[in-house]
Amino acid sequence: MNKVLIDTDVILDFFFDRKPFSLNAAIIFSLCESKKIQGFITPVIISNTYYLLRKTASHEKIIDKLKKLLSITEVLLMNQEVVIKAINSDFPDFEDALQHSAAIHHERINAIITRNFKDFKKSKIEVFTPENFIQTIIESYKS
């Protein structure tokens, strides 16, 4: 099974229904829900998602959305070692460095799904846009 880290932008595409990206985000979450892939997020992703959703929705509505998200994904733990690796990485964006470091540290992630492909140029894990990842899944079912 593919084990993927789903970046904040994909989650926000879904929650904010940002066209044209929301359809691919919905497909990614549908794959998680049906257990065709195993989706992972981090505490930082949850925090950032809450913060950005809070600008448009009540605390209660956001918590309900986060609970649904957590019902189909797993949370990678972040500890001092993960943070130190992120600090010492060559990633230009610290948040992305944290996500990448958490994925590497736990050795469970096969891919990172993000629309910010350029921010993960130094990734040691395969990086896909949602569209490319879905296409890869489709191709794997054909073979």
Protein backbone atom coordinates (compact mmCIF):
# COMPACT_ATOMS: atom_id res chain seq x y z
CA MET A 1 0.00 0.00 0.00
CA ASN A 2 1.19 3.50 -0.80
CA LYS A 3 1.93 5.48 2.33
CA VAL A 4 1.80 9.19 1.58
CA LEU A 5 2.28 12.43 3.43
CA ILE A 6 -0.48 14.82 2.39
CA ASP A 7 0.69 18.42 2.53
CA THR A 8 -1.38 21.30 3.91
CA ASP A 9 -2.15 22.79 0.50
CA VAL A 10 -3.97 19.61 -0.61
CA ILE A 11 -6.05 19.60 2.56
CA LEU A 12 -6.93 23.26 2.12
CA ASP A 13 -7.85 22.67 -1.52
CA PHE A 14 -10.42 20.18 -0.28
CA PHE A 15 -11.75 22.16 2.70
CA PHE A 16 -11.94 25.48 0.84
CA ASP A 17 -13.17 23.78 -2.36
CA ARG A 18 -10.48 25.60 -4.33
CA LYS A 19 -11.19 24.97 -8.00
CA PRO A 20 -9.76 23.28 -10.03
CA PHE A 21 -7.64 21.58 -7.33
CA SER A 22 -10.43 20.41 -5.03
CA LEU A 23 -11.43 17.49 -7.24
CA ASN A 24 -7.96 15.91 -7.07
CA ALA A 25 -7.83 16.55 -3.32
CA ALA A 26 -11.19 14.81 -2.95
CA ILE A 27 -9.88 11.83 -4.93
CA ILE A 28 -6.82 11.63 -2.66
CA PHE A 29 -9.04 11.58 0.43
CA SER A 30 -11.36 9.05 -1.17
CA LEU A 31 -8.35 6.80 -1.74
CA CYS A 32 -7.48 7.19 1.95
CA GLU A 33 -11.03 6.48 3.05
CA SER A 34 -11.23 3.34 0.92
CA LYS A 35 -7.81 2.27 2.24
CA LYS A 36 -6.28 2.10 -1.23
CA ILE A 37 -3.58 4.40 0.14
CA GLN A 38 -2.56 5.25 3.67
CA GLY A 39 -2.52 8.99 4.26
CA PHE A 40 -0.35 10.69 6.86
CA ILE A 41 -0.27 14.23 8.18
CA THR A 42 1.75 15.95 10.90
CA PRO A 43 0.81 18.07 13.92
CA VAL A 44 2.12 21.10 12.01
CA ILE A 45 -0.28 20.37 9.15
CA ILE A 46 -3.18 20.11 11.59
CA SER A 47 -2.21 23.37 13.28
CA ASN A 48 -1.77 25.24 10.00
CA THR A 49 -5.06 23.90 8.67
CA TYR A 50 -6.88 24.95 11.83
CA TYR A 51 -5.34 28.42 11.71
CA LEU A 52 -6.27 29.01 8.08
CA LEU A 53 -9.78 27.59 8.39
CA ARG A 54 -10.40 29.70 11.51
CA LYS A 55 -10.50 32.78 9.32
CA THR A 56 -13.73 31.56 7.72
CA ALA A 57 -15.40 29.13 10.13
CA SER A 58 -16.19 28.60 13.79
CA HIS A 59 -14.00 26.59 16.13
CA GLU A 60 -16.67 23.86 16.34
CA LYS A 61 -16.97 23.47 12.56
CA ILE A 62 -13.21 23.29 12.14
CA ILE A 63 -12.83 20.72 14.90
CA ASP A 64 -15.51 18.62 13.22
CA LYS A 65 -13.60 18.80 9.90
CA LEU A 66 -10.32 17.91 11.62
CA LYS A 67 -11.94 14.91 13.32
CA LYS A 68 -13.13 13.68 9.93
CA LEU A 69 -9.65 14.20 8.50
CA LEU A 70 -8.13 12.25 11.40
CA SER A 71 -10.58 9.39 10.83
CA ILE A 72 -8.99 8.67 7.43
CA THR A 73 -5.35 9.67 8.05
CA GLU A 74 -2.67 9.01 10.64
CA VAL A 75 -0.52 11.59 12.38
CA LEU A 76 3.25 11.28 12.23
CA LEU A 77 4.95 12.10 15.48
CA MET A 78 7.39 14.97 15.64
CA ASN A 79 10.11 15.06 18.23
CA GLN A 80 13.36 16.91 18.88
CA GLU A 81 15.29 14.75 16.43
CA VAL A 82 12.80 15.55 13.64
CA VAL A 83 13.01 19.29 14.38
CA ILE A 84 16.81 19.26 14.49
CA LYS A 85 16.96 17.43 11.15
CA ALA A 86 14.62 20.04 9.69
CA ILE A 87 16.70 22.90 11.07
CA ASN A 88 19.84 21.38 9.58
CA SER A 89 18.29 20.58 6.22
CA ASP A 90 18.79 22.46 2.97
CA PHE A 91 15.07 23.14 2.61
CA PRO A 92 14.41 26.85 2.03
CA ASP A 93 10.99 26.62 3.76
CA PHE A 94 11.12 25.49 7.40
CA GLU A 95 7.56 24.17 7.47
CA ASP A 96 8.29 21.94 4.47
CA ALA A 97 11.54 20.88 6.11
CA LEU A 98 9.55 19.75 9.15
CA GLN A 99 7.12 17.73 7.01
CA HIS A 100 9.94 16.11 5.07
CA SER A 101 11.97 15.38 8.18
CA ALA A 102 8.97 13.74 9.89
CA ALA A 103 8.36 11.56 6.83
CA ILE A 104 12.02 10.52 6.60
CA HIS A 105 12.33 9.91 10.34
CA HIS A 106 9.44 7.49 10.50
CA GLU A 107 10.53 5.55 7.41
CA ARG A 108 6.91 4.83 6.56
CA ILE A 109 6.27 7.29 3.79
CA ASN A 110 6.67 6.40 0.09
CA ALA A 111 5.65 9.79 -1.29
CA ILE A 112 4.74 13.35 -0.47
CA ILE A 113 1.67 14.80 -2.18
CA THR A 114 1.79 18.57 -2.55
CA ARG A 115 1.05 21.30 -5.05
CA ASN A 116 4.18 23.11 -3.84
CA PHE A 117 6.39 20.76 -5.80
CA LYS A 118 9.26 23.27 -6.06
CA ASP A 119 9.54 23.51 -2.26
CA PHE A 120 10.43 19.82 -2.08
CA LYS A 121 13.23 19.80 -4.67
CA LYS A 122 15.65 18.41 -2.09
CA SER A 123 13.32 15.63 -0.97
CA LYS A 124 14.69 12.15 -0.39
CA ILE A 125 11.17 10.81 -0.93
CA GLU A 126 9.25 10.92 -4.20
CA VAL A 127 7.12 14.04 -4.52
CA PHE A 128 3.92 14.18 -6.54
CA THR A 129 1.30 16.74 -7.31
CA PRO A 130 -2.16 15.35 -6.54
CA GLU A 131 -2.82 15.06 -10.28
CA ASN A 132 0.42 13.16 -10.93
CA PHE A 133 -0.13 10.87 -7.97
CA ILE A 134 -3.64 9.97 -9.12
CA GLN A 135 -2.30 9.26 -12.61
CA THR A 136 0.38 6.99 -11.09
CA ILE A 137 -2.30 5.10 -9.14
CA ILE A 138 -4.39 4.68 -12.28
CA GLU A 139 -1.36 3.39 -14.20
CA SER A 140 -0.55 0.88 -11.43
CA TYR A 141 -4.06 -0.56 -11.64
CA LYS A 142 -3.67 -1.03 -15.41
CA SER A 143 -0.52 -3.14 -15.05
